[in-house]
C-alpha atoms as a PDB file:
ATOM      1  CA  MET A   1      17.359  -7.870   9.898  1.00  0.00           C
ATOM      2  CA  MET A   2      13.935  -9.491  10.080  1.00  0.00           C
ATOM      3  CA  ASN A   3      11.929 -11.306  12.730  1.00  0.00           C
ATOM      4  CA  ASN A   4       8.257 -11.535  13.662  1.00  0.00           C
ATOM      5  CA  GLN A   5       7.937  -9.459  16.837  1.00  0.00           C
ATOM      6  CA  LEU A   6       6.305  -6.045  16.317  1.00  0.00           C
ATOM      7  CA  LEU A   7       7.541  -3.413  18.755  1.00  0.00           C
ATOM      8  CA  PRO A   8       5.519  -0.269  19.540  1.00  0.00           C
ATOM      9  CA  ALA A   9       6.512   2.969  17.831  1.00  0.00           C
ATOM     10  CA  ASP A  10       6.051   6.524  19.059  1.00  0.00           C
ATOM     11  CA  ARG A  11       4.582   7.660  15.746  1.00  0.00           C
ATOM     12  CA  VAL A  12       4.562   7.066  12.011  1.00  0.00           C
ATOM     13  CA  ASP A  13       4.497   9.659   9.222  1.00  0.00           C
ATOM     14  CA  VAL A  14       3.051   8.424   5.921  1.00  0.00           C
ATOM     15  CA  THR A  15       3.591  10.659   2.875  1.00  0.00           C
ATOM     16  CA  ILE A  16       1.527   9.800  -0.198  1.00  0.00           C
ATOM     17  CA  LEU A  17       3.875  10.040  -3.175  1.00  0.00           C
ATOM     18  CA  VAL A  18       1.611   8.504  -5.825  1.00  0.00           C
ATOM     19  CA  ASP A  19      -2.169   8.136  -5.874  1.00  0.00           C
ATOM     20  CA  ASN A  20      -5.066   8.493  -8.308  1.00  0.00           C
ATOM     21  CA  TYR A  21      -6.399  11.738  -6.851  1.00  0.00           C
ATOM     22  CA  LEU A  22      -5.103  15.287  -6.536  1.00  0.00           C
ATOM     23  CA  ASP A  23      -6.949  18.339  -5.203  1.00  0.00           C
ATOM     24  CA  ILE A  24      -4.778  21.331  -4.327  1.00  0.00           C
ATOM     25  CA  PHE A  25      -7.628  23.073  -2.491  1.00  0.00           C
ATOM     26  CA  VAL A  26      -8.408  20.342   0.053  1.00  0.00           C
ATOM     27  CA  PRO A  27      -7.662  21.807   3.506  1.00  0.00           C
ATOM     28  CA  PRO A  28      -6.433  19.838   6.529  1.00  0.00           C
ATOM     29  CA  ALA A  29      -9.451  18.107   8.044  1.00  0.00           C
ATOM     30  CA  THR A  30      -8.111  16.346  11.128  1.00  0.00           C
ATOM     31  CA  PRO A  31      -5.177  16.513  13.535  1.00  0.00           C
ATOM     32  CA  VAL A  32      -3.340  13.839  11.536  1.00  0.00           C
ATOM     33  CA  ASP A  33      -3.276  15.185   7.973  1.00  0.00           C
ATOM     34  CA  ARG A  34      -0.734  17.747   6.843  1.00  0.00           C
ATOM     35  CA  ARG A  35      -1.581  19.175   3.430  1.00  0.00           C
ATOM     36  CA  LEU A  36       0.793  21.156   1.270  1.00  0.00           C
ATOM     37  CA  PRO A  37       0.170  24.903   1.430  1.00  0.00           C
ATOM     38  CA  PHE A  38      -1.428  26.226  -1.743  1.00  0.00           C
ATOM     39  CA  ASP A  39       1.276  27.195  -4.209  1.00  0.00           C
ATOM     40  CA  PRO A  40       0.386  27.659  -7.914  1.00  0.00           C
ATOM     41  CA  GLY A  41       4.052  27.168  -8.779  1.00  0.00           C
ATOM     42  CA  ARG A  42       4.263  23.702  -7.232  1.00  0.00           C
ATOM     43  CA  LEU A  43       2.329  21.150  -9.245  1.00  0.00           C
ATOM     44  CA  LEU A  44       2.108  17.533  -8.168  1.00  0.00           C
ATOM     45  CA  PHE A  45       1.017  14.713 -10.471  1.00  0.00           C
ATOM     46  CA  ALA A  46      -1.628  12.043  -9.948  1.00  0.00           C
ATOM     47  CA  GLU A  47      -1.770   8.731 -11.807  1.00  0.00           C
ATOM     48  CA  HIS A  48      -3.350   5.304 -11.506  1.00  0.00           C
ATOM     49  CA  GLY A  49      -0.839   3.931  -9.036  1.00  0.00           C
ATOM     50  CA  PHE A  50       0.268   3.946  -5.440  1.00  0.00           C
ATOM     51  CA  SER A  51       3.411   4.748  -3.488  1.00  0.00           C
ATOM     52  CA  CYS A  52       4.031   6.090  -0.020  1.00  0.00           C
ATOM     53  CA  LEU A  53       7.028   6.944   2.109  1.00  0.00           C
ATOM     54  CA  VAL A  54       6.732   5.562   5.631  1.00  0.00           C
ATOM     55  CA  ARG A  55       8.838   7.050   8.417  1.00  0.00           C
ATOM     56  CA  VAL A  56       8.658   5.286  11.772  1.00  0.00           C
ATOM     57  CA  PHE A  57       9.839   7.023  14.942  1.00  0.00           C
ATOM     58  CA  SER A  58      10.877   5.338  18.185  1.00  0.00           C
ATOM     59  CA  GLY A  59      12.797   7.293  20.794  1.00  0.00           C
ATOM     60  CA  GLU A  60      15.655   9.052  19.036  1.00  0.00           C
ATOM     61  CA  LYS A  61      15.541   6.710  16.035  1.00  0.00           C
ATOM     62  CA  GLU A  62      13.859   7.198  12.672  1.00  0.00           C
ATOM     63  CA  TYR A  63      13.354   4.482  10.058  1.00  0.00           C
ATOM     64  CA  THR A  64      12.399   5.120   6.417  1.00  0.00           C
ATOM     65  CA  ILE A  65      10.605   2.542   4.263  1.00  0.00           C
ATOM     66  CA  LEU A  66       9.208   2.948   0.741  1.00  0.00           C
ATOM     67  CA  LEU A  67       6.002   1.043  -0.018  1.00  0.00           C
ATOM     68  CA  ASP A  68       5.497   0.565  -3.776  1.00  0.00           C
ATOM     69  CA  THR A  69       6.670   2.894  -6.552  1.00  0.00           C
ATOM     70  CA  GLY A  70       3.589   3.848  -8.554  1.00  0.00           C
ATOM     71  CA  LEU A  71       2.829   3.380 -12.233  1.00  0.00           C
ATOM     72  CA  SER A  72       5.685   5.418 -13.671  1.00  0.00           C
ATOM     73  CA  PRO A  73       9.071   6.777 -12.598  1.00  0.00           C
ATOM     74  CA  ASP A  74       8.080  10.182 -14.015  1.00  0.00           C
ATOM     75  CA  CYS A  75       5.254  10.671 -11.529  1.00  0.00           C
ATOM     76  CA  LEU A  76       7.163   9.252  -8.568  1.00  0.00           C
ATOM     77  CA  PHE A  77      10.310  11.306  -9.006  1.00  0.00           C
ATOM     78  CA  HIS A  78       8.481  14.482 -10.000  1.00  0.00           C
ATOM     79  CA  ASN A  79       6.410  14.373  -6.816  1.00  0.00           C
ATOM     80  CA  VAL A  80       9.411  13.496  -4.664  1.00  0.00           C
ATOM     81  CA  HIS A  81      11.218  16.537  -6.093  1.00  0.00           C
ATOM     82  CA  GLU A  82       8.257  18.889  -5.641  1.00  0.00           C
ATOM     83  CA  LEU A  83       7.783  17.685  -2.063  1.00  0.00           C
ATOM     84  CA  GLY A  84      11.444  18.329  -1.302  1.00  0.00           C
ATOM     85  CA  LEU A  85      12.024  14.749  -0.197  1.00  0.00           C
ATOM     86  CA  ASP A  86      15.234  12.741  -0.284  1.00  0.00           C
ATOM     87  CA  LEU A  87      14.803   9.022  -0.958  1.00  0.00           C
ATOM     88  CA  SER A  88      18.485   8.257  -0.400  1.00  0.00           C
ATOM     89  CA  ALA A  89      17.790   7.495   3.269  1.00  0.00           C
ATOM     90  CA  THR A  90      15.353   4.718   2.328  1.00  0.00           C
ATOM     91  CA  GLU A  91      16.344   1.607   4.277  1.00  0.00           C
ATOM     92  CA  ALA A  92      14.132  -0.860   2.400  1.00  0.00           C
ATOM     93  CA  VAL A  93      11.457  -1.091  -0.262  1.00  0.00           C
ATOM     94  CA  VAL A  94       8.376  -3.247   0.239  1.00  0.00           C
ATOM     95  CA  LEU A  95       6.198  -4.316  -2.674  1.00  0.00           C
ATOM     96  CA  SER A  96       2.572  -4.796  -1.719  1.00  0.00           C
ATOM     97  CA  HIS A  97       2.266  -7.068  -4.778  1.00  0.00           C
ATOM     98  CA  GLY A  98       3.648  -7.406  -8.272  1.00  0.00           C
ATOM     99  CA  HIS A  99       1.144  -5.422 -10.342  1.00  0.00           C
ATOM    100  CA  PHE A 100       2.256  -2.792 -12.851  1.00  0.00           C
ATOM    101  CA  ASP A 101       0.759   0.211 -11.025  1.00  0.00           C
ATOM    102  CA  HIS A 102       2.927  -0.485  -7.974  1.00  0.00           C
ATOM    103  CA  ILE A 103       6.267  -1.357  -9.602  1.00  0.00           C
ATOM    104  CA  GLY A 104       6.566   1.319 -12.299  1.00  0.00           C
ATOM    105  CA  GLY A 105       9.232   3.411 -10.586  1.00  0.00           C
ATOM    106  CA  LEU A 106      11.112   0.533  -8.993  1.00  0.00           C
ATOM    107  CA  MET A 107      13.992   0.113 -11.441  1.00  0.00           C
ATOM    108  CA  ALA A 108      14.588   3.863 -11.602  1.00  0.00           C
ATOM    109  CA  PHE A 109      14.582   4.106  -7.815  1.00  0.00           C
ATOM    110  CA  LEU A 110      17.048   1.238  -7.421  1.00  0.00           C
ATOM    111  CA  SER A 111      19.337   2.678 -10.090  1.00  0.00           C
ATOM    112  CA  SER A 112      19.382   6.048  -8.327  1.00  0.00           C
ATOM    113  CA  ALA A 113      19.958   4.658  -4.823  1.00  0.00           C
ATOM    114  CA  PRO A 114      23.432   5.257  -3.347  1.00  0.00           C
ATOM    115  CA  ARG A 115      23.726   1.654  -2.157  1.00  0.00           C
ATOM    116  CA  LYS A 116      22.073  -1.751  -2.416  1.00  0.00           C
ATOM    117  CA  VAL A 117      18.536  -1.647  -1.049  1.00  0.00           C
ATOM    118  CA  PRO A 118      16.639  -4.521   0.600  1.00  0.00           C
ATOM    119  CA  LEU A 119      13.509  -5.321  -1.435  1.00  0.00           C
ATOM    120  CA  VAL A 120      10.856  -7.263   0.464  1.00  0.00           C
ATOM    121  CA  LEU A 121       8.288  -9.102  -1.625  1.00  0.00           C
ATOM    122  CA  HIS A 122       6.332 -12.333  -1.868  1.00  0.00           C
ATOM    123  CA  PRO A 123       7.739 -14.928  -4.331  1.00  0.00           C
ATOM    124  CA  ASP A 124       4.542 -14.775  -6.406  1.00  0.00           C
ATOM    125  CA  ALA A 125       5.281 -11.147  -7.268  1.00  0.00           C
ATOM    126  CA  PHE A 126       7.489 -12.558 -10.049  1.00  0.00           C
ATOM    127  CA  LEU A 127       4.683 -14.512 -11.752  1.00  0.00           C
ATOM    128  CA  GLN A 128       3.823 -13.927 -15.395  1.00  0.00           C
ATOM    129  CA  ARG A 129       0.293 -12.493 -15.385  1.00  0.00           C
ATOM    130  CA  ARG A 130      -2.530 -11.363 -17.596  1.00  0.00           C
ATOM    131  CA  MET A 131      -6.042  -9.930 -17.378  1.00  0.00           C
ATOM    132  CA  LYS A 132      -8.916 -11.468 -19.294  1.00  0.00           C
ATOM    133  CA  SER A 133     -12.372  -9.990 -19.772  1.00  0.00           C
ATOM    134  CA  PRO A 134     -15.058  -9.822 -22.494  1.00  0.00           C
ATOM    135  CA  ALA A 135     -14.502  -6.065 -22.797  1.00  0.00           C
ATOM    136  CA  THR A 136     -10.717  -6.072 -23.249  1.00  0.00           C
ATOM    137  CA  GLY A 137      -9.874  -9.614 -24.260  1.00  0.00           C
ATOM    138  CA  ILE A 138      -6.493 -10.795 -22.971  1.00  0.00           C
ATOM    139  CA  VAL A 139      -4.067  -8.132 -21.766  1.00  0.00           C
ATOM    140  CA  ASP A 140      -0.569  -9.219 -20.754  1.00  0.00           C
ATOM    141  CA  LEU A 141       0.798  -7.442 -17.682  1.00  0.00           C
ATOM    142  CA  PRO A 142       4.401  -6.329 -17.118  1.00  0.00           C
ATOM    143  CA  GLN A 143       6.461  -8.931 -15.279  1.00  0.00           C
ATOM    144  CA  ILE A 144       9.088  -8.266 -12.630  1.00  0.00           C
ATOM    145  CA  ASP A 145      12.576  -9.469 -13.591  1.00  0.00           C
ATOM    146  CA  ALA A 146      14.533 -10.690 -10.553  1.00  0.00           C
ATOM    147  CA  VAL A 147      17.894 -10.592 -12.333  1.00  0.00           C
ATOM    148  CA  ALA A 148      17.305  -7.030 -13.523  1.00  0.00           C
ATOM    149  CA  LEU A 149      16.312  -5.952 -10.018  1.00  0.00           C
ATOM    150  CA  GLN A 150      19.465  -7.425  -8.527  1.00  0.00           C
ATOM    151  CA  SER A 151      21.594  -5.839 -11.237  1.00  0.00           C
ATOM    152  CA  ALA A 152      20.001  -2.474 -10.420  1.00  0.00           C
ATOM    153  CA  GLY A 153      20.904  -2.836  -6.743  1.00  0.00           C
ATOM    154  CA  ALA A 154      18.106  -4.777  -5.066  1.00  0.00           C
ATOM    155  CA  ASP A 155      18.888  -7.171  -2.239  1.00  0.00           C
ATOM    156  CA  LEU A 156      15.924  -9.539  -2.563  1.00  0.00           C
ATOM    157  CA  TYR A 157      14.028 -10.842   0.466  1.00  0.00           C
ATOM    158  CA  GLN A 158      11.294 -13.183  -0.738  1.00  0.00           C
ATOM    159  CA  ARG A 159       8.918 -13.951   2.118  1.00  0.00           C
ATOM    160  CA  LYS A 160       5.487 -15.554   2.403  1.00  0.00           C
ATOM    161  CA  GLU A 161       5.397 -15.300   6.180  1.00  0.00           C
ATOM    162  CA  PRO A 162       5.235 -12.163   8.357  1.00  0.00           C
ATOM    163  CA  SER A 163       8.522 -10.358   8.963  1.00  0.00           C
ATOM    164  CA  THR A 164       9.666  -7.067  10.437  1.00  0.00           C
ATOM    165  CA  LEU A 165      11.796  -4.117   9.396  1.00  0.00           C
ATOM    166  CA  ALA A 166      12.899  -0.963  11.236  1.00  0.00           C
ATOM    167  CA  GLU A 167      14.440  -2.985  14.079  1.00  0.00           C
ATOM    168  CA  GLY A 168      11.079  -4.609  14.779  1.00  0.00           C
ATOM    169  CA  HIS A 169       8.928  -1.463  14.584  1.00  0.00           C
ATOM    170  CA  LEU A 170       7.288  -2.214  11.215  1.00  0.00           C
ATOM    171  CA  LEU A 171       5.632  -5.473  10.193  1.00  0.00           C
ATOM    172  CA  VAL A 172       5.220  -6.825   6.670  1.00  0.00           C
ATOM    173  CA  THR A 173       2.235  -9.177   6.799  1.00  0.00           C
ATOM    174  CA  GLY A 174       3.376 -11.559   4.105  1.00  0.00           C
ATOM    175  CA  GLU A 175       0.625 -13.705   2.605  1.00  0.00           C
ATOM    176  CA  VAL A 176      -2.718 -12.640   4.101  1.00  0.00           C
ATOM    177  CA  GLU A 177      -5.088 -15.227   5.530  1.00  0.00           C
ATOM    178  CA  ARG A 178      -8.444 -15.059   3.733  1.00  0.00           C
ATOM    179  CA  THR A 179     -11.402 -15.653   5.995  1.00  0.00           C
ATOM    180  CA  THR A 180     -14.342 -13.444   4.982  1.00  0.00           C
ATOM    181  CA  SER A 181     -17.133 -14.870   2.856  1.00  0.00           C
ATOM    182  CA  PHE A 182     -17.295 -11.921   0.446  1.00  0.00           C
ATOM    183  CA  GLU A 183     -13.679 -10.973  -0.360  1.00  0.00           C
ATOM    184  CA  ARG A 184     -12.865 -13.280  -3.259  1.00  0.00           C
ATOM    185  CA  GLY A 185      -9.986 -11.665  -5.085  1.00  0.00           C
ATOM    186  CA  MET A 186      -9.947  -9.977  -8.486  1.00  0.00           C
ATOM    187  CA  PRO A 187     -12.009 -11.571 -11.279  1.00  0.00           C
ATOM    188  CA  GLY A 188     -10.312 -12.057 -14.624  1.00  0.00           C
ATOM    189  CA  MET A 189      -6.775 -12.293 -13.276  1.00  0.00           C
ATOM    190  CA  GLU A 190      -4.671 -15.220 -14.485  1.00  0.00           C
ATOM    191  CA  ALA A 191      -1.110 -16.354 -13.808  1.00  0.00           C
ATOM    192  CA  LEU A 192       1.177 -18.768 -15.618  1.00  0.00           C
ATOM    193  CA  ILE A 193       1.903 -21.516 -13.086  1.00  0.00           C
ATOM    194  CA  ASP A 194       3.593 -24.802 -14.020  1.00  0.00           C
ATOM    195  CA  GLY A 195       3.123 -24.003 -17.701  1.00  0.00           C
ATOM    196  CA  ARG A 196      -0.641 -23.390 -17.457  1.00  0.00           C
ATOM    197  CA  TRP A 197      -2.726 -20.226 -17.242  1.00  0.00           C
ATOM    198  CA  VAL A 198      -4.826 -20.521 -14.091  1.00  0.00           C
ATOM    199  CA  VAL A 199      -6.940 -18.227 -11.917  1.00  0.00           C
ATOM    200  CA  ASP A 200      -4.592 -15.913 -10.038  1.00  0.00           C
ATOM    201  CA  PRO A 201      -5.488 -15.506  -6.344  1.00  0.00           C
ATOM    202  CA  ILE A 202      -2.780 -12.800  -6.046  1.00  0.00           C
ATOM    203  CA  LEU A 203      -1.268 -14.460  -2.998  1.00  0.00           C
ATOM    204  CA  ASP A 204       1.592 -11.959  -3.081  1.00  0.00           C
ATOM    205  CA  ASP A 205      -0.726  -9.235  -1.754  1.00  0.00           C
ATOM    206  CA  GLN A 206       0.612  -7.937   1.569  1.00  0.00           C
ATOM    207  CA  ALA A 207       0.433  -4.863   3.796  1.00  0.00           C
ATOM    208  CA  LEU A 208       2.464  -2.874   6.314  1.00  0.00           C
ATOM    209  CA  VAL A 209       1.537  -2.695   9.992  1.00  0.00           C
ATOM    210  CA  ILE A 210       2.818  -0.315  12.662  1.00  0.00           C
ATOM    211  CA  ASN A 211       1.765  -0.397  16.316  1.00  0.00           C
ATOM    212  CA  ILE A 212       1.536   3.148  17.677  1.00  0.00           C
ATOM    213  CA  GLN A 213       2.047   3.306  21.426  1.00  0.00           C
ATOM    214  CA  ASP A 214      -1.289   3.728  23.258  1.00  0.00           C
ATOM    215  CA  LYS A 215      -3.191   4.144  19.954  1.00  0.00           C
ATOM    216  CA  GLY A 216      -3.167   0.813  18.136  1.00  0.00           C
ATOM    217  CA  LEU A 217      -2.387  -0.497  14.681  1.00  0.00           C
ATOM    218  CA  VAL A 218      -1.835   1.505  11.518  1.00  0.00           C
ATOM    219  CA  VAL A 219      -2.465  -0.764   8.506  1.00  0.00           C
ATOM    220  CA  ILE A 220      -1.251   0.369   5.065  1.00  0.00           C
ATOM    221  CA  SER A 221      -2.400  -1.581   2.003  1.00  0.00           C
ATOM    222  CA  GLY A 222      -1.360  -1.240  -1.620  1.00  0.00           C
ATOM    223  CA  CYS A 223      -4.450  -2.747  -3.264  1.00  0.00           C
ATOM    224  CA  ALA A 224      -5.723  -5.212  -0.653  1.00  0.00           C
ATOM    225  CA  HIS A 225      -6.434  -7.878  -3.260  1.00  0.00           C
ATOM    226  CA  ALA A 226      -6.685 -10.258  -0.310  1.00  0.00           C
ATOM    227  CA  GLY A 227      -9.541  -8.044   0.921  1.00  0.00           C
ATOM    228  CA  ILE A 228      -9.103  -5.052   3.180  1.00  0.00           C
ATOM    229  CA  ILE A 229     -11.131  -6.679   5.959  1.00  0.00           C
ATOM    230  CA  ASN A 230      -9.068  -9.866   5.681  1.00  0.00           C
ATOM    231  CA  THR A 231      -5.940  -7.715   5.784  1.00  0.00           C
ATOM    232  CA  VAL A 232      -6.897  -5.813   8.927  1.00  0.00           C
ATOM    233  CA  GLU A 233      -8.119  -8.936  10.705  1.00  0.00           C
ATOM    234  CA  TYR A 234      -4.904 -10.748   9.815  1.00  0.00           C
ATOM    235  CA  ALA A 235      -2.859  -7.834  11.124  1.00  0.00           C
ATOM    236  CA  LYS A 236      -4.775  -8.057  14.396  1.00  0.00           C
ATOM    237  CA  LYS A 237      -4.250 -11.811  14.548  1.00  0.00           C
ATOM    238  CA  ILE A 238      -0.496 -11.901  13.943  1.00  0.00           C
ATOM    239  CA  THR A 239       0.230  -8.973  16.259  1.00  0.00           C
ATOM    240  CA  GLY A 240      -2.201  -9.919  19.020  1.00  0.00           C
ATOM    241  CA  ILE A 241      -3.411  -6.297  19.044  1.00  0.00           C
ATOM    242  CA  SER A 242      -7.146  -5.658  18.603  1.00  0.00           C
ATOM    243  CA  THR A 243      -7.213  -1.845  18.541  1.00  0.00           C
ATOM    244  CA  VAL A 244      -6.914  -0.288  15.087  1.00  0.00           C
ATOM    245  CA  HIS A 245      -5.877   3.357  14.856  1.00  0.00           C
ATOM    246  CA  ALA A 246      -5.897   3.846  11.071  1.00  0.00           C
ATOM    247  CA  VAL A 247      -6.470   1.935   7.836  1.00  0.00           C
ATOM    248  CA  LEU A 248      -5.199   3.519   4.628  1.00  0.00           C
ATOM    249  CA  GLY A 249      -4.283   2.686   1.051  1.00  0.00           C
ATOM    250  CA  GLY A 250      -5.979   0.954  -1.855  1.00  0.00           C
ATOM    251  CA  PHE A 251      -8.950  -1.281  -1.015  1.00  0.00           C
ATOM    252  CA  HIS A 252      -9.721  -2.393  -4.611  1.00  0.00           C
ATOM    253  CA  LEU A 253     -13.473  -1.883  -4.616  1.00  0.00           C
ATOM    254  CA  THR A 254     -13.710  -0.120  -7.974  1.00  0.00           C
ATOM    255  CA  GLY A 255     -15.686  -1.408 -10.945  1.00  0.00           C
ATOM    256  CA  PRO A 256     -18.870  -3.450 -11.435  1.00  0.00           C
ATOM    257  CA  ALA A 257     -17.393  -6.717 -10.145  1.00  0.00           C
ATOM    258  CA  PHE A 258     -16.791  -5.179  -6.728  1.00  0.00           C
ATOM    259  CA  GLU A 259     -20.036  -3.229  -6.313  1.00  0.00           C
ATOM    260  CA  PRO A 260     -21.712  -6.110  -4.423  1.00  0.00           C
ATOM    261  CA  ILE A 261     -19.026  -6.181  -1.722  1.00  0.00           C
ATOM    262  CA  ILE A 262     -18.865  -2.456  -0.980  1.00  0.00           C
ATOM    263  CA  ARG A 263     -21.742  -2.746   1.479  1.00  0.00           C
ATOM    264  CA  PRO A 264     -20.339  -5.659   3.537  1.00  0.00           C
ATOM    265  CA  THR A 265     -16.860  -4.124   3.461  1.00  0.00           C
ATOM    266  CA  ILE A 266     -18.115  -0.852   4.942  1.00  0.00           C
ATOM    267  CA  ASP A 267     -20.205  -2.729   7.510  1.00  0.00           C
ATOM    268  CA  GLU A 268     -17.204  -4.760   8.632  1.00  0.00           C
ATOM    269  CA  MET A 269     -14.953  -1.707   8.734  1.00  0.00           C
ATOM    270  CA  LYS A 270     -17.498   0.021  10.970  1.00  0.00           C
ATOM    271  CA  ARG A 271     -17.336  -3.012  13.250  1.00  0.00           C
ATOM    272  CA  ILE A 272     -13.519  -2.844  13.334  1.00  0.00           C
ATOM    273  CA  ASP A 273     -13.965   0.843  14.198  1.00  0.00           C
ATOM    274  CA  PRO A 274     -10.596   2.421  13.363  1.00  0.00           C
ATOM    275  CA  ASP A 275      -9.983   5.985  14.479  1.00  0.00           C
ATOM    276  CA  TYR A 276      -9.257   6.941  10.858  1.00  0.00           C
ATOM    277  CA  ILE A 277     -10.139   5.460   7.481  1.00  0.00           C
ATOM    278  CA  LEU A 278      -8.355   6.677   4.328  1.00  0.00           C
ATOM    279  CA  PRO A 279      -9.398   4.790   1.166  1.00  0.00           C
ATOM    280  CA  MET A 280      -7.152   5.560  -1.819  1.00  0.00           C
ATOM    281  CA  HIS A 281      -6.007   4.421  -5.269  1.00  0.00           C
ATOM    282  CA  CYS A 282      -8.180   1.517  -6.486  1.00  0.00           C
ATOM    283  CA  THR A 283     -10.924   1.863  -3.862  1.00  0.00           C
ATOM    284  CA  GLY A 284     -13.120   3.614  -6.411  1.00  0.00           C
ATOM    285  CA  TRP A 285     -15.513   6.552  -6.338  1.00  0.00           C
ATOM    286  CA  ASN A 286     -18.574   4.665  -5.065  1.00  0.00           C
ATOM    287  CA  ALA A 287     -16.754   2.976  -2.202  1.00  0.00           C
ATOM    288  CA  ILE A 288     -14.869   6.129  -1.192  1.00  0.00           C
ATOM    289  CA  ASN A 289     -18.149   8.016  -1.033  1.00  0.00           C
ATOM    290  CA  GLY A 290     -19.666   5.187   0.973  1.00  0.00           C
ATOM    291  CA  PHE A 291     -16.925   5.409   3.583  1.00  0.00           C
ATOM    292  CA  ALA A 292     -17.258   9.203   3.651  1.00  0.00           C
ATOM    293  CA  ARG A 293     -21.010   8.979   4.170  1.00  0.00           C
ATOM    294  CA  GLU A 294     -21.059   6.201   6.760  1.00  0.00           C
ATOM    295  CA  MET A 295     -17.868   6.936   8.714  1.00  0.00           C
ATOM    296  CA  PRO A 296     -17.873  10.754   8.648  1.00  0.00           C
ATOM    297  CA  GLY A 297     -15.919  11.304  11.850  1.00  0.00           C
ATOM    298  CA  LYS A 298     -13.223   8.883  10.735  1.00  0.00           C
ATOM    299  CA  PHE A 299     -12.996   9.347   6.960  1.00  0.00           C
ATOM    300  CA  ILE A 300     -10.217  11.452   5.422  1.00  0.00           C
ATOM    301  CA  LEU A 301     -10.153  12.289   1.710  1.00  0.00           C
ATOM    302  CA  ASN A 302      -6.636  11.715   0.458  1.00  0.00           C
ATOM    303  CA  THR A 303      -4.859  13.872  -2.077  1.00  0.00           C
ATOM    304  CA  VAL A 304      -1.354  13.339  -3.458  1.00  0.00           C
ATOM    305  CA  GLY A 305       1.384  14.927  -1.371  1.00  0.00           C
ATOM    306  CA  THR A 306      -0.375  14.713   1.979  1.00  0.00           C
ATOM    307  CA  THR A 307       1.552  13.510   5.013  1.00  0.00           C
ATOM    308  CA  TYR A 308      -0.383  11.714   7.739  1.00  0.00           C
ATOM    309  CA  ARG A 309       1.066  11.725  11.227  1.00  0.00           C
ATOM    310  CA  PHE A 310      -0.302   8.931  13.409  1.00  0.00           C
END
C-alpha cells in the first residue's frame, strides 16, 4: 500500500471542509478556485480547526484522501452534507498531527465509514500533551486513544518516514526535517515522555505532497508546526522536485510569539515562489494579510467550502 516513490498526477482537487474563515460573498479570484454559488439557504460553518478532502486524478483513476477532521464532528458533517459530498469513498485518513483541532471529527467519521479505513499518522500523535502559559496556566489537551480508534474501524499506519498513498500519487512527508534558523516550534507546548513533562517539539507534524504533471508540487499542511518553510523545503528534498505549484493550509503564525517570524517566513516563501499561496486556519490575520500584500498575484483568500483545482 505504501512506498516512497511519488508519481506525477494529472490534477488534484482540494475541498476545504473545515477552516476558521467563512465569507459567502467572496467570488472566484483565480482559475483554480471554485467557490460555492451564493445561496442564502445553504449555510456552512467555520470553526477553529482544519480538514480537507483531497481527490487525486491520474488517467482514468481517482483517489480520495481525507486530511484531518476539524475541531468537532458537528462542523465537519454539517459542511459535508451542505456541500453534497460523500465521504464513504475515502480510501485513507491522514492526520497532520495529534492536536485537538484536527482530530475532533475522527471518531465520528470512522464510526460512520462503511469499512475499515487506513489511518496514517506519526507515533507521537498519541502523546499526552498540555499547553502552559502565564495567561492560561496549564491546559490539558485531548489525547488520541489508539484502542478506541481501532475499535471504531481504523487500520493504523504509524510512520515517521515518508510514505505514499493513492498508488504512489500522494506523499505523506512523515517527520519533517527542521533546517531554518527561525522556525522553532510552538512555545508553551509540553508532552509527557518517559514519565516527565518536557518541551514538545511536535515531531508528529506532517504534510501531504502531490506532484502535478508539468506544474510542480502541491504542499498541503495542517498547522506546519515544523515550520511551513521547513515543510516545503523538505517536500522538495524528498521528492527531488524543485518547482512548487501551490502551498496551502495552516502555517501557524498567529499570536504574539510568532509575530517575529512572519517577516522571514514571507521572505522565504517569496524565494520559493509558488504559483499559488493559500494560508488558512492558524496562520493568523497579520500573516495572512502579509502574504496578500506581498504576494498579490499568488495569494488566494480561502473560505470554507471552496474547492481548489490544481
